[in-house]
PDB file of all heavy atoms in Angstrom:
ATOM      1  N   LYS A   1     100.389  87.231  84.544  1.00  0.00           N
ATOM      2  CA  LYS A   1      99.292  87.823  83.782  1.00  0.00           C
ATOM      3  C   LYS A   1      98.007  87.760  84.500  1.00  0.00           C
ATOM      4  O   LYS A   1      97.213  88.745  84.506  1.00  0.00           O
ATOM      5  CB  LYS A   1      99.186  87.119  82.421  1.00  0.00           C
ATOM      6  CG  LYS A   1     100.258  87.519  81.465  1.00  0.00           C
ATOM      7  CD  LYS A   1     100.153  86.735  80.210  1.00  0.00           C
ATOM      8  CE  LYS A   1     101.441  87.016  79.301  1.00  0.00           C
ATOM      9  NZ  LYS A   1     101.313  86.263  78.066  1.00  0.00           N
ATOM     10  N   ILE A   2      97.806  86.543  85.217  1.00  0.00           N
ATOM     11  CA  ILE A   2      96.517  86.441  86.011  1.00  0.00           C
ATOM     12  C   ILE A   2      96.532  87.392  87.141  1.00  0.00           C
ATOM     13  O   ILE A   2      95.524  88.083  87.377  1.00  0.00           O
ATOM     14  CB  ILE A   2      96.370  84.948  86.421  1.00  0.00           C
ATOM     15  CG1 ILE A   2      96.177  84.030  85.212  1.00  0.00           C
ATOM     16  CG2 ILE A   2      95.229  84.832  87.445  1.00  0.00           C
ATOM     17  CD1 ILE A   2      96.405  82.557  85.541  1.00  0.00           C
ATOM     18  N   ILE A   3      97.622  87.304  87.936  1.00  0.00           N
ATOM     19  CA  ILE A   3      97.756  88.142  89.149  1.00  0.00           C
ATOM     20  C   ILE A   3      97.585  89.707  88.725  1.00  0.00           C
ATOM     21  O   ILE A   3      96.852  90.430  89.391  1.00  0.00           O
ATOM     22  CB  ILE A   3      99.040  87.934  89.949  1.00  0.00           C
ATOM     23  CG1 ILE A   3      98.993  86.472  90.496  1.00  0.00           C
ATOM     24  CG2 ILE A   3      99.235  88.848  90.955  1.00  0.00           C
ATOM     25  CD1 ILE A   3     100.308  85.959  90.858  1.00  0.00           C
ATOM     26  N   ASN A   4      98.330  90.065  87.753  1.00  0.00           N
ATOM     27  CA  ASN A   4      98.455  91.543  87.372  1.00  0.00           C
ATOM     28  C   ASN A   4      97.042  91.955  86.824  1.00  0.00           C
ATOM     29  O   ASN A   4      96.674  93.133  87.096  1.00  0.00           O
ATOM     30  CB  ASN A   4      99.509  91.715  86.310  1.00  0.00           C
ATOM     31  CG  ASN A   4      99.899  93.140  86.264  1.00  0.00           C
ATOM     32  OD1 ASN A   4     100.006  93.903  87.247  1.00  0.00           O
ATOM     33  ND2 ASN A   4     100.188  93.571  85.060  1.00  0.00           N
ATOM     34  N   LYS A   5      96.341  91.097  86.172  1.00  0.00           N
ATOM     35  CA  LYS A   5      94.888  91.461  85.759  1.00  0.00           C
ATOM     36  C   LYS A   5      94.122  91.982  86.862  1.00  0.00           C
ATOM     37  O   LYS A   5      93.415  92.925  86.779  1.00  0.00           O
ATOM     38  CB  LYS A   5      94.342  90.297  85.050  1.00  0.00           C
ATOM     39  CG  LYS A   5      92.908  90.523  84.625  1.00  0.00           C
ATOM     40  CD  LYS A   5      92.294  89.202  84.053  1.00  0.00           C
ATOM     41  CE  LYS A   5      90.915  89.339  83.629  1.00  0.00           C
ATOM     42  NZ  LYS A   5      89.941  89.604  84.633  1.00  0.00           N
ATOM     43  N   TYR A   6      94.094  91.093  87.967  1.00  0.00           N
ATOM     44  CA  TYR A   6      93.258  91.464  89.167  1.00  0.00           C
ATOM     45  C   TYR A   6      93.828  92.645  89.919  1.00  0.00           C
ATOM     46  O   TYR A   6      93.105  93.362  90.449  1.00  0.00           O
ATOM     47  CB  TYR A   6      93.087  90.220  90.039  1.00  0.00           C
ATOM     48  CG  TYR A   6      92.243  89.202  89.405  1.00  0.00           C
ATOM     49  CD1 TYR A   6      92.741  87.959  88.917  1.00  0.00           C
ATOM     50  CD2 TYR A   6      90.876  89.333  89.126  1.00  0.00           C
ATOM     51  CE1 TYR A   6      91.935  87.018  88.272  1.00  0.00           C
ATOM     52  CE2 TYR A   6      90.086  88.445  88.601  1.00  0.00           C
ATOM     53  CZ  TYR A   6      90.617  87.275  88.127  1.00  0.00           C
ATOM     54  OH  TYR A   6      89.813  86.291  87.507  1.00  0.00           O
ATOM     55  N   TYR A   7      95.171  92.789  89.885  1.00  0.00           N
ATOM     56  CA  TYR A   7      95.740  93.875  90.486  1.00  0.00           C
ATOM     57  C   TYR A   7      95.352  95.290  89.835  1.00  0.00           C
ATOM     58  O   TYR A   7      95.032  96.157  90.507  1.00  0.00           O
ATOM     59  CB  TYR A   7      97.310  93.743  90.547  1.00  0.00           C
ATOM     60  CG  TYR A   7      98.059  94.910  91.120  1.00  0.00           C
ATOM     61  CD1 TYR A   7      98.043  95.151  92.481  1.00  0.00           C
ATOM     62  CD2 TYR A   7      98.655  95.825  90.202  1.00  0.00           C
ATOM     63  CE1 TYR A   7      98.695  96.244  92.949  1.00  0.00           C
ATOM     64  CE2 TYR A   7      99.307  96.901  90.728  1.00  0.00           C
ATOM     65  CZ  TYR A   7      99.335  97.142  92.096  1.00  0.00           C
ATOM     66  OH  TYR A   7     100.002  98.228  92.569  1.00  0.00           O
ATOM     67  N   ILE A   8      95.467  95.240  88.518  1.00  0.00           N
ATOM     68  CA  ILE A   8      95.182  96.390  87.763  1.00  0.00           C
ATOM     69  C   ILE A   8      93.704  96.760  88.013  1.00  0.00           C
ATOM     70  O   ILE A   8      93.348  97.968  88.012  1.00  0.00           O
ATOM     71  CB  ILE A   8      95.419  96.160  86.231  1.00  0.00           C
ATOM     72  CG1 ILE A   8      96.947  96.163  85.980  1.00  0.00           C
ATOM     73  CG2 ILE A   8      94.818  97.268  85.395  1.00  0.00           C
ATOM     74  CD1 ILE A   8      97.403  95.668  84.622  1.00  0.00           C
ATOM     75  N   GLU A   9      92.822  95.796  88.113  1.00  0.00           N
ATOM     76  CA  GLU A   9      91.446  96.028  88.300  1.00  0.00           C
ATOM     77  C   GLU A   9      91.133  96.341  89.758  1.00  0.00           C
ATOM     78  O   GLU A   9      89.948  96.619  90.151  1.00  0.00           O
ATOM     79  CB  GLU A   9      90.623  94.805  87.996  1.00  0.00           C
ATOM     80  CG  GLU A   9      90.622  94.523  86.456  1.00  0.00           C
ATOM     81  CD  GLU A   9      89.958  93.105  86.132  1.00  0.00           C
ATOM     82  OE1 GLU A   9      89.596  92.372  87.100  1.00  0.00           O
ATOM     83  OE2 GLU A   9      89.904  92.877  84.922  1.00  0.00           O
ATOM     84  N   SER A  10      92.174  96.372  90.631  1.00  0.00           N
ATOM     85  CA  SER A  10      92.004  96.561  92.052  1.00  0.00           C
ATOM     86  C   SER A  10      91.054  95.622  92.685  1.00  0.00           C
ATOM     87  O   SER A  10      90.343  95.904  93.666  1.00  0.00           O
ATOM     88  CB  SER A  10      91.630  98.036  92.382  1.00  0.00           C
ATOM     89  OG  SER A  10      92.668  98.859  92.071  1.00  0.00           O
ATOM     90  N   ASN A  11      91.086  94.382  92.157  1.00  0.00           N
ATOM     91  CA  ASN A  11      90.125  93.317  92.696  1.00  0.00           C
ATOM     92  C   ASN A  11      90.902  92.573  93.713  1.00  0.00           C
ATOM     93  O   ASN A  11      91.262  91.394  93.523  1.00  0.00           O
ATOM     94  CB  ASN A  11      89.732  92.411  91.478  1.00  0.00           C
ATOM     95  CG  ASN A  11      88.558  91.593  91.810  1.00  0.00           C
ATOM     96  OD1 ASN A  11      88.304  91.358  93.040  1.00  0.00           O
ATOM     97  ND2 ASN A  11      87.856  91.059  90.876  1.00  0.00           N
ATOM     98  N   PHE A  12      91.091  93.088  94.852  1.00  0.00           N
ATOM     99  CA  PHE A  12      91.867  92.509  95.981  1.00  0.00           C
ATOM    100  C   PHE A  12      91.049  91.412  96.630  1.00  0.00           C
ATOM    101  O   PHE A  12      91.724  90.497  97.230  1.00  0.00           O
ATOM    102  CB  PHE A  12      92.259  93.533  96.925  1.00  0.00           C
ATOM    103  CG  PHE A  12      93.290  94.525  96.335  1.00  0.00           C
ATOM    104  CD1 PHE A  12      92.941  95.758  95.948  1.00  0.00           C
ATOM    105  CD2 PHE A  12      94.604  94.123  96.189  1.00  0.00           C
ATOM    106  CE1 PHE A  12      93.843  96.626  95.440  1.00  0.00           C
ATOM    107  CE2 PHE A  12      95.578  94.952  95.648  1.00  0.00           C
ATOM    108  CZ  PHE A  12      95.155  96.222  95.287  1.00  0.00           C
ATOM    109  N   ASN A  13      89.813  91.327  96.505  1.00  0.00           N
ATOM    110  CA  ASN A  13      89.013  90.188  96.991  1.00  0.00           C
ATOM    111  C   ASN A  13      89.404  88.947  96.395  1.00  0.00           C
ATOM    112  O   ASN A  13      89.617  87.930  97.011  1.00  0.00           O
ATOM    113  CB  ASN A  13      87.457  90.472  96.878  1.00  0.00           C
ATOM    114  CG  ASN A  13      86.986  91.550  97.750  1.00  0.00           C
ATOM    115  OD1 ASN A  13      87.512  91.780  98.824  1.00  0.00           O
ATOM    116  ND2 ASN A  13      85.953  92.263  97.261  1.00  0.00           N
ATOM    117  N   VAL A  14      89.682  88.964  95.077  1.00  0.00           N
ATOM    118  CA  VAL A  14      90.036  87.727  94.355  1.00  0.00           C
ATOM    119  C   VAL A  14      91.512  87.447  94.661  1.00  0.00           C
ATOM    120  O   VAL A  14      91.776  86.246  95.015  1.00  0.00           O
ATOM    121  CB  VAL A  14      89.954  87.857  92.778  1.00  0.00           C
ATOM    122  CG1 VAL A  14      90.656  86.744  92.037  1.00  0.00           C
ATOM    123  CG2 VAL A  14      88.539  88.006  92.372  1.00  0.00           C
ATOM    124  N   LEU A  15      92.384  88.380  94.839  1.00  0.00           N
ATOM    125  CA  LEU A  15      93.728  88.175  95.272  1.00  0.00           C
ATOM    126  C   LEU A  15      93.779  87.617  96.611  1.00  0.00           C
ATOM    127  O   LEU A  15      94.666  86.746  96.962  1.00  0.00           O
ATOM    128  CB  LEU A  15      94.560  89.439  95.126  1.00  0.00           C
ATOM    129  CG  LEU A  15      94.693  89.915  93.660  1.00  0.00           C
ATOM    130  CD1 LEU A  15      95.362  91.338  93.615  1.00  0.00           C
ATOM    131  CD2 LEU A  15      95.566  89.027  92.867  1.00  0.00           C
ATOM    132  N   ILE A  16      92.944  88.112  97.555  1.00  0.00           N
ATOM    133  CA  ILE A  16      92.900  87.486  98.889  1.00  0.00           C
ATOM    134  C   ILE A  16      92.464  86.024  98.789  1.00  0.00           C
ATOM    135  O   ILE A  16      93.027  85.203  99.495  1.00  0.00           O
ATOM    136  CB  ILE A  16      91.971  88.245  99.784  1.00  0.00           C
ATOM    137  CG1 ILE A  16      92.562  89.641 100.163  1.00  0.00           C
ATOM    138  CG2 ILE A  16      91.632  87.555 101.064  1.00  0.00           C
ATOM    139  CD1 ILE A  16      91.577  90.575 100.808  1.00  0.00           C
ATOM    140  N   GLN A  17      91.505  85.727  98.057  1.00  0.00           N
ATOM    141  CA  GLN A  17      90.969  84.374  97.948  1.00  0.00           C
ATOM    142  C   GLN A  17      91.992  83.400  97.399  1.00  0.00           C
ATOM    143  O   GLN A  17      92.030  82.247  97.790  1.00  0.00           O
ATOM    144  CB  GLN A  17      89.643  84.368  96.952  1.00  0.00           C
ATOM    145  CG  GLN A  17      89.024  83.077  96.793  1.00  0.00           C
ATOM    146  CD  GLN A  17      87.781  83.228  95.900  1.00  0.00           C
ATOM    147  OE1 GLN A  17      87.495  84.318  95.401  1.00  0.00           O
ATOM    148  NE2 GLN A  17      87.202  82.064  95.663  1.00  0.00           N
ATOM    149  N   TYR A  18      92.913  83.957  96.541  1.00  0.00           N
ATOM    150  CA  TYR A  18      93.970  83.045  95.917  1.00  0.00           C
ATOM    151  C   TYR A  18      95.343  83.501  96.371  1.00  0.00           C
ATOM    152  O   TYR A  18      96.285  83.435  95.656  1.00  0.00           O
ATOM    153  CB  TYR A  18      93.833  83.070  94.431  1.00  0.00           C
ATOM    154  CG  TYR A  18      92.596  82.479  93.961  1.00  0.00           C
ATOM    155  CD1 TYR A  18      91.482  83.229  93.572  1.00  0.00           C
ATOM    156  CD2 TYR A  18      92.442  81.030  93.941  1.00  0.00           C
ATOM    157  CE1 TYR A  18      90.315  82.651  93.204  1.00  0.00           C
ATOM    158  CE2 TYR A  18      91.242  80.543  93.490  1.00  0.00           C
ATOM    159  CZ  TYR A  18      90.197  81.334  93.147  1.00  0.00           C
ATOM    160  OH  TYR A  18      89.076  80.719  92.758  1.00  0.00           O
ATOM    161  N   ILE A  19      95.448  83.886  97.693  1.00  0.00           N
ATOM    162  CA  ILE A  19      96.673  84.480  98.210  1.00  0.00           C
ATOM    163  C   ILE A  19      97.816  83.391  98.156  1.00  0.00           C
ATOM    164  O   ILE A  19      98.984  83.806  97.898  1.00  0.00           O
ATOM    165  CB  ILE A  19      96.472  84.948  99.644  1.00  0.00           C
ATOM    166  CG1 ILE A  19      97.748  85.749 100.108  1.00  0.00           C
ATOM    167  CG2 ILE A  19      96.168  83.767 100.626  1.00  0.00           C
ATOM    168  CD1 ILE A  19      98.045  86.963  99.287  1.00  0.00           C
ATOM    169  N   LYS A  20      97.578  82.122  98.247  1.00  0.00           N
ATOM    170  CA  LYS A  20      98.602  81.143  98.198  1.00  0.00           C
ATOM    171  C   LYS A  20      99.159  81.084  96.747  1.00  0.00           C
ATOM    172  O   LYS A  20     100.314  80.904  96.509  1.00  0.00           O
ATOM    173  CB  LYS A  20      98.152  79.795  98.591  1.00  0.00           C
ATOM    174  CG  LYS A  20      97.946  79.744 100.126  1.00  0.00           C
ATOM    175  CD  LYS A  20      97.614  78.334 100.635  1.00  0.00           C
ATOM    176  CE  LYS A  20      97.497  78.344 102.145  1.00  0.00           C
ATOM    177  NZ  LYS A  20      97.259  77.106 102.649  1.00  0.00           N
ATOM    178  N   PHE A  21      98.272  81.294  95.779  1.00  0.00           N
ATOM    179  CA  PHE A  21      98.708  81.307  94.369  1.00  0.00           C
ATOM    180  C   PHE A  21      99.616  82.587  94.157  1.00  0.00           C
ATOM    181  O   PHE A  21     100.718  82.489  93.501  1.00  0.00           O
ATOM    182  CB  PHE A  21      97.520  81.356  93.421  1.00  0.00           C
ATOM    183  CG  PHE A  21      97.852  81.618  92.004  1.00  0.00           C
ATOM    184  CD1 PHE A  21      98.477  80.586  91.261  1.00  0.00           C
ATOM    185  CD2 PHE A  21      97.583  82.803  91.363  1.00  0.00           C
ATOM    186  CE1 PHE A  21      98.763  80.818  89.939  1.00  0.00           C
ATOM    187  CE2 PHE A  21      97.885  83.016  90.036  1.00  0.00           C
ATOM    188  CZ  PHE A  21      98.465  81.999  89.336  1.00  0.00           C
ATOM    189  N   VAL A  22      99.242  83.699  94.724  1.00  0.00           N
ATOM    190  CA  VAL A  22      99.974  84.954  94.617  1.00  0.00           C
ATOM    191  C   VAL A  22     101.424  84.730  95.329  1.00  0.00           C
ATOM    192  O   VAL A  22     102.479  85.054  94.753  1.00  0.00           O
ATOM    193  CB  VAL A  22      99.279  86.143  95.284  1.00  0.00           C
ATOM    194  CG1 VAL A  22     100.173  87.405  95.250  1.00  0.00           C
ATOM    195  CG2 VAL A  22      97.992  86.375  94.510  1.00  0.00           C
ATOM    196  N   ALA A  23     101.359  84.134  96.467  1.00  0.00           N
ATOM    197  CA  ALA A  23     102.647  83.878  97.242  1.00  0.00           C
ATOM    198  C   ALA A  23     103.510  82.925  96.479  1.00  0.00           C
ATOM    199  O   ALA A  23     104.755  83.056  96.484  1.00  0.00           O
ATOM    200  CB  ALA A  23     102.313  83.317  98.672  1.00  0.00           C
ATOM    201  N   TYR A  24     102.944  81.887  95.865  1.00  0.00           N
ATOM    202  CA  TYR A  24     103.719  80.969  95.140  1.00  0.00           C
ATOM    203  C   TYR A  24     104.413  81.601  93.968  1.00  0.00           C
ATOM    204  O   TYR A  24     105.570  81.370  93.728  1.00  0.00           O
ATOM    205  CB  TYR A  24     102.673  79.878  94.641  1.00  0.00           C
ATOM    206  CG  TYR A  24     103.194  79.053  93.380  1.00  0.00           C
ATOM    207  CD1 TYR A  24     104.254  78.177  93.510  1.00  0.00           C
ATOM    208  CD2 TYR A  24     102.510  79.211  92.173  1.00  0.00           C
ATOM    209  CE1 TYR A  24     104.662  77.451  92.343  1.00  0.00           C
ATOM    210  CE2 TYR A  24     102.951  78.530  91.099  1.00  0.00           C
ATOM    211  CZ  TYR A  24     104.044  77.625  91.218  1.00  0.00           C
ATOM    212  OH  TYR A  24     104.371  76.930  90.065  1.00  0.00           O
ATOM    213  N   ASN A  25     103.698  82.469  93.284  1.00  0.00           N
ATOM    214  CA  ASN A  25     104.329  83.130  92.091  1.00  0.00           C
ATOM    215  C   ASN A  25     105.355  84.146  92.557  1.00  0.00           C
ATOM    216  O   ASN A  25     106.441  84.289  91.954  1.00  0.00           O
ATOM    217  CB  ASN A  25     103.330  83.750  91.114  1.00  0.00           C
ATOM    218  CG  ASN A  25     103.945  83.784  89.754  1.00  0.00           C
ATOM    219  OD1 ASN A  25     104.247  82.750  89.155  1.00  0.00           O
ATOM    220  ND2 ASN A  25     104.042  85.009  89.260  1.00  0.00           N
ATOM    221  N   CYS A  26     105.126  84.686  93.668  1.00  0.00           N
ATOM    222  CA  CYS A  26     106.143  85.666  94.201  1.00  0.00           C
ATOM    223  C   CYS A  26     107.450  84.926  94.568  1.00  0.00           C
ATOM    224  O   CYS A  26     108.551  85.296  94.355  1.00  0.00           O
ATOM    225  CB  CYS A  26     105.646  86.396  95.487  1.00  0.00           C
ATOM    226  SG  CYS A  26     106.730  87.557  96.230  1.00  0.00           S
ATOM    227  N   TYR A  27     107.257  83.738  95.210  1.00  0.00           N
ATOM    228  CA  TYR A  27     108.358  82.812  95.553  1.00  0.00           C
ATOM    229  C   TYR A  27     109.139  82.468  94.295  1.00  0.00           C
ATOM    230  O   TYR A  27     110.368  82.532  94.298  1.00  0.00           O
ATOM    231  CB  TYR A  27     107.775  81.575  96.210  1.00  0.00           C
ATOM    232  CG  TYR A  27     108.795  80.510  96.597  1.00  0.00           C
ATOM    233  CD1 TYR A  27     109.599  80.611  97.706  1.00  0.00           C
ATOM    234  CD2 TYR A  27     108.935  79.403  95.786  1.00  0.00           C
ATOM    235  CE1 TYR A  27     110.481  79.604  98.052  1.00  0.00           C
ATOM    236  CE2 TYR A  27     109.860  78.365  96.095  1.00  0.00           C
ATOM    237  CZ  TYR A  27     110.548  78.482  97.203  1.00  0.00           C
ATOM    238  OH  TYR A  27     111.544  77.497  97.549  1.00  0.00           O
ATOM    239  N   LEU A  28     108.432  81.972  93.229  1.00  0.00           N
ATOM    240  CA  LEU A  28     109.040  81.677  91.984  1.00  0.00           C
ATOM    241  C   LEU A  28     109.834  82.935  91.451  1.00  0.00           C
ATOM    242  O   LEU A  28     110.973  82.734  90.847  1.00  0.00           O
ATOM    243  CB  LEU A  28     108.090  81.172  90.928  1.00  0.00           C
ATOM    244  CG  LEU A  28     107.472  79.769  91.182  1.00  0.00           C
ATOM    245  CD1 LEU A  28     106.490  79.445  89.953  1.00  0.00           C
ATOM    246  CD2 LEU A  28     108.511  78.700  91.365  1.00  0.00           C
ATOM    247  N   THR A  29     109.242  84.018  91.519  1.00  0.00           N
ATOM    248  CA  THR A  29     109.884  85.268  91.004  1.00  0.00           C
ATOM    249  C   THR A  29     111.102  85.513  91.748  1.00  0.00           C
ATOM    250  O   THR A  29     112.183  85.826  91.131  1.00  0.00           O
ATOM    251  CB  THR A  29     108.881  86.472  91.071  1.00  0.00           C
ATOM    252  OG1 THR A  29     107.720  86.140  90.371  1.00  0.00           O
ATOM    253  CG2 THR A  29     109.511  87.750  90.586  1.00  0.00           C
ATOM    254  N   GLU A  30     111.152  85.357  93.003  1.00  0.00           N
ATOM    255  CA  GLU A  30     112.355  85.628  93.841  1.00  0.00           C
ATOM    256  C   GLU A  30     113.454  84.581  93.442  1.00  0.00           C
ATOM    257  O   GLU A  30     114.608  84.972  93.340  1.00  0.00           O
ATOM    258  CB  GLU A  30     112.033  85.499  95.330  1.00  0.00           C
ATOM    259  CG  GLU A  30     111.208  86.665  95.821  1.00  0.00           C
ATOM    260  CD  GLU A  30     110.879  86.532  97.266  1.00  0.00           C
ATOM    261  OE1 GLU A  30     111.270  85.574  97.904  1.00  0.00           O
ATOM    262  OE2 GLU A  30     110.172  87.463  97.768  1.00  0.00           O
ATOM    263  N   ILE A  31     113.118  83.335  93.313  1.00  0.00           N
ATOM    264  CA  ILE A  31     114.090  82.329  92.911  1.00  0.00           C
ATOM    265  C   ILE A  31     114.681  82.554  91.512  1.00  0.00           C
ATOM    266  O   ILE A  31     115.871  82.583  91.243  1.00  0.00           O
ATOM    267  CB  ILE A  31     113.429  80.961  92.955  1.00  0.00           C
ATOM    268  CG1 ILE A  31     113.295  80.502  94.443  1.00  0.00           C
ATOM    269  CG2 ILE A  31     114.341  79.899  92.212  1.00  0.00           C
ATOM    270  CD1 ILE A  31     112.598  79.222  94.638  1.00  0.00           C
ATOM    271  N   ALA A  32     113.803  83.021  90.544  1.00  0.00           N
ATOM    272  CA  ALA A  32     114.193  83.328  89.276  1.00  0.00           C
ATOM    273  C   ALA A  32     115.140  84.495  89.192  1.00  0.00           C
ATOM    274  O   ALA A  32     116.129  84.448  88.470  1.00  0.00           O
ATOM    275  CB  ALA A  32     112.974  83.563  88.346  1.00  0.00           C
ATOM    276  N   TYR A  33     114.946  85.486  90.022  1.00  0.00           N
ATOM    277  CA  TYR A  33     115.869  86.615  90.068  1.00  0.00           C
ATOM    278  C   TYR A  33     117.142  86.164  90.667  1.00  0.00           C
ATOM    279  O   TYR A  33     118.218  86.531  90.202  1.00  0.00           O
ATOM    280  CB  TYR A  33     115.182  87.736  90.859  1.00  0.00           C
ATOM    281  CG  TYR A  33     116.124  88.864  90.999  1.00  0.00           C
ATOM    282  CD1 TYR A  33     116.464  89.713  89.951  1.00  0.00           C
ATOM    283  CD2 TYR A  33     116.683  89.223  92.294  1.00  0.00           C
ATOM    284  CE1 TYR A  33     117.381  90.784  90.092  1.00  0.00           C
ATOM    285  CE2 TYR A  33     117.569  90.315  92.334  1.00  0.00           C
ATOM    286  CZ  TYR A  33     117.899  91.069  91.301  1.00  0.00           C
ATOM    287  OH  TYR A  33     118.781  92.104  91.425  1.00  0.00           O
ATOM    288  N   LYS A  34     117.065  85.457  91.820  1.00  0.00           N
ATOM    289  CA  LYS A  34     118.319  84.924  92.477  1.00  0.00           C
ATOM    290  C   LYS A  34     119.169  84.122  91.564  1.00  0.00           C
ATOM    291  O   LYS A  34     120.412  84.241  91.557  1.00  0.00           O
ATOM    292  CB  LYS A  34     117.917  84.141  93.676  1.00  0.00           C
ATOM    293  CG  LYS A  34     119.017  83.680  94.556  1.00  0.00           C
ATOM    294  CD  LYS A  34     118.538  82.997  95.824  1.00  0.00           C
ATOM    295  CE  LYS A  34     118.738  81.516  95.708  1.00  0.00           C
ATOM    296  NZ  LYS A  34     118.383  80.758  96.815  1.00  0.00           N
ATOM    297  N   GLU A  35     118.520  83.411  90.636  1.00  0.00           N
ATOM    298  CA  GLU A  35     119.259  82.514  89.690  1.00  0.00           C
ATOM    299  C   GLU A  35     119.512  83.212  88.425  1.00  0.00           C
ATOM    300  O   GLU A  35     120.003  82.630  87.415  1.00  0.00           O
ATOM    301  CB  GLU A  35     118.486  81.196  89.478  1.00  0.00           C
ATOM    302  CG  GLU A  35     118.337  80.391  90.745  1.00  0.00           C
ATOM    303  CD  GLU A  35     119.580  79.814  91.193  1.00  0.00           C
ATOM    304  OE1 GLU A  35     120.487  79.545  90.478  1.00  0.00           O
ATOM    305  OE2 GLU A  35     119.669  79.701  92.400  1.00  0.00           O
ATOM    306  N   SER A  36     119.247  84.532  88.381  1.00  0.00           N
ATOM    307  CA  SER A  36     119.419  85.354  87.166  1.00  0.00           C
ATOM    308  C   SER A  36     118.625  84.896  85.891  1.00  0.00           C
ATOM    309  O   SER A  36     119.090  85.082  84.813  1.00  0.00           O
ATOM    310  CB  SER A  36     120.915  85.388  86.794  1.00  0.00           C
ATOM    311  OG  SER A  36     121.692  85.927  87.840  1.00  0.00           O
ATOM    312  N   TYR A  37     117.436  84.390  86.180  1.00  0.00           N
ATOM    313  CA  TYR A  37     116.520  84.062  85.044  1.00  0.00           C
ATOM    314  C   TYR A  37     115.711  85.214  84.621  1.00  0.00           C
ATOM    315  O   TYR A  37     115.302  85.216  83.476  1.00  0.00           O
ATOM    316  CB  TYR A  37     115.485  82.938  85.472  1.00  0.00           C
ATOM    317  CG  TYR A  37     116.068  81.586  85.872  1.00  0.00           C
ATOM    318  CD1 TYR A  37     115.271  80.642  86.477  1.00  0.00           C
ATOM    319  CD2 TYR A  37     117.426  81.284  85.713  1.00  0.00           C
ATOM    320  CE1 TYR A  37     115.797  79.394  86.842  1.00  0.00           C
ATOM    321  CE2 TYR A  37     117.932  79.972  86.075  1.00  0.00           C
ATOM    322  CZ  TYR A  37     117.068  79.054  86.655  1.00  0.00           C
ATOM    323  OH  TYR A  37     117.552  77.872  86.984  1.00  0.00           O
ATOM    324  N   ILE A  38     115.531  86.202  85.487  1.00  0.00           N
ATOM    325  CA  ILE A  38     114.878  87.450  85.037  1.00  0.00           C
ATOM    326  C   ILE A  38     115.687  88.604  85.537  1.00  0.00           C
ATOM    327  O   ILE A  38     116.509  88.563  86.438  1.00  0.00           O
ATOM    328  CB  ILE A  38     113.446  87.540  85.695  1.00  0.00           C
ATOM    329  CG1 ILE A  38     113.478  87.489  87.185  1.00  0.00           C
ATOM    330  CG2 ILE A  38     112.522  86.548  85.158  1.00  0.00           C
ATOM    331  CD1 ILE A  38     112.146  87.804  87.914  1.00  0.00           C
ATOM    332  N   ASP A  39     115.653  89.703  84.760  1.00  0.00           N
ATOM    333  CA  ASP A  39     116.465  90.818  85.074  1.00  0.00           C
ATOM    334  C   ASP A  39     115.881  91.759  86.112  1.00  0.00           C
ATOM    335  O   ASP A  39     114.738  91.565  86.574  1.00  0.00           O
ATOM    336  CB  ASP A  39     116.805  91.602  83.859  1.00  0.00           C
ATOM    337  CG  ASP A  39     115.652  92.384  83.199  1.00  0.00           C
ATOM    338  OD1 ASP A  39     114.766  92.683  83.948  1.00  0.00           O
ATOM    339  OD2 ASP A  39     115.644  92.669  82.038  1.00  0.00           O
ATOM    340  N   LYS A  40     116.739  92.610  86.669  1.00  0.00           N
ATOM    341  CA  LYS A  40     116.409  93.398  87.841  1.00  0.00           C
ATOM    342  C   LYS A  40     115.177  94.258  87.606  1.00  0.00           C
ATOM    343  O   LYS A  40     114.403  94.384  88.510  1.00  0.00           O
ATOM    344  CB  LYS A  40     117.598  94.267  88.180  1.00  0.00           C
ATOM    345  CG  LYS A  40     117.422  95.048  89.453  1.00  0.00           C
ATOM    346  CD  LYS A  40     118.717  95.786  89.819  1.00  0.00           C
ATOM    347  CE  LYS A  40     118.496  96.474  91.167  1.00  0.00           C
ATOM    348  NZ  LYS A  40     119.611  97.173  91.674  1.00  0.00           N
ATOM    349  N   ASP A  41     115.066  94.818  86.429  1.00  0.00           N
ATOM    350  CA  ASP A  41     113.873  95.687  86.164  1.00  0.00           C
ATOM    351  C   ASP A  41     112.567  94.923  86.212  1.00  0.00           C
ATOM    352  O   ASP A  41     111.612  95.399  86.810  1.00  0.00           O
ATOM    353  CB  ASP A  41     114.077  96.412  84.810  1.00  0.00           C
ATOM    354  CG  ASP A  41     115.198  97.439  84.844  1.00  0.00           C
ATOM    355  OD1 ASP A  41     115.580  97.896  85.883  1.00  0.00           O
ATOM    356  OD2 ASP A  41     115.728  97.706  83.743  1.00  0.00           O
ATOM    357  N   VAL A  42     112.558  93.803  85.602  1.00  0.00           N
ATOM    358  CA  VAL A  42     111.344  92.974  85.688  1.00  0.00           C
ATOM    359  C   VAL A  42     111.028  92.513  87.097  1.00  0.00           C
ATOM    360  O   VAL A  42     109.906  92.634  87.576  1.00  0.00           O
ATOM    361  CB  VAL A  42     111.513  91.792  84.722  1.00  0.00           C
ATOM    362  CG1 VAL A  42     110.304  90.723  84.891  1.00  0.00           C
ATOM    363  CG2 VAL A  42     111.692  92.140  83.283  1.00  0.00           C
ATOM    364  N   TYR A  43     112.043  92.108  87.789  1.00  0.00           N
ATOM    365  CA  TYR A  43     111.944  91.650  89.146  1.00  0.00           C
ATOM    366  C   TYR A  43     111.413  92.829  90.055  1.00  0.00           C
ATOM    367  O   TYR A  43     110.469  92.656  90.754  1.00  0.00           O
ATOM    368  CB  TYR A  43     113.253  91.153  89.724  1.00  0.00           C
ATOM    369  CG  TYR A  43     113.351  90.860  91.196  1.00  0.00           C
ATOM    370  CD1 TYR A  43     112.741  89.742  91.651  1.00  0.00           C
ATOM    371  CD2 TYR A  43     113.847  91.765  92.070  1.00  0.00           C
ATOM    372  CE1 TYR A  43     112.761  89.389  93.076  1.00  0.00           C
ATOM    373  CE2 TYR A  43     113.924  91.518  93.397  1.00  0.00           C
ATOM    374  CZ  TYR A  43     113.286  90.374  93.911  1.00  0.00           C
ATOM    375  OH  TYR A  43     113.310  90.083  95.239  1.00  0.00           O
ATOM    376  N   SER A  44     112.000  94.000  89.851  1.00  0.00           N
ATOM    377  CA  SER A  44     111.583  95.122  90.732  1.00  0.00           C
ATOM    378  C   SER A  44     110.117  95.464  90.452  1.00  0.00           C
ATOM    379  O   SER A  44     109.421  95.764  91.370  1.00  0.00           O
ATOM    380  CB  SER A  44     112.468  96.386  90.443  1.00  0.00           C
ATOM    381  OG  SER A  44     113.813  96.044  90.778  1.00  0.00           O
TER     382      SER A  44
END
């Protein structure tokens, strides 16, 4: 929700500033998909 808020606003300066946070959640998302915690549509 935090990442998507700034994405929708096209506020890439904030996303750059917190790139490790973005990468961390991307990592968790990949693991959750791999372990079938989230479905393919959400993951995609």
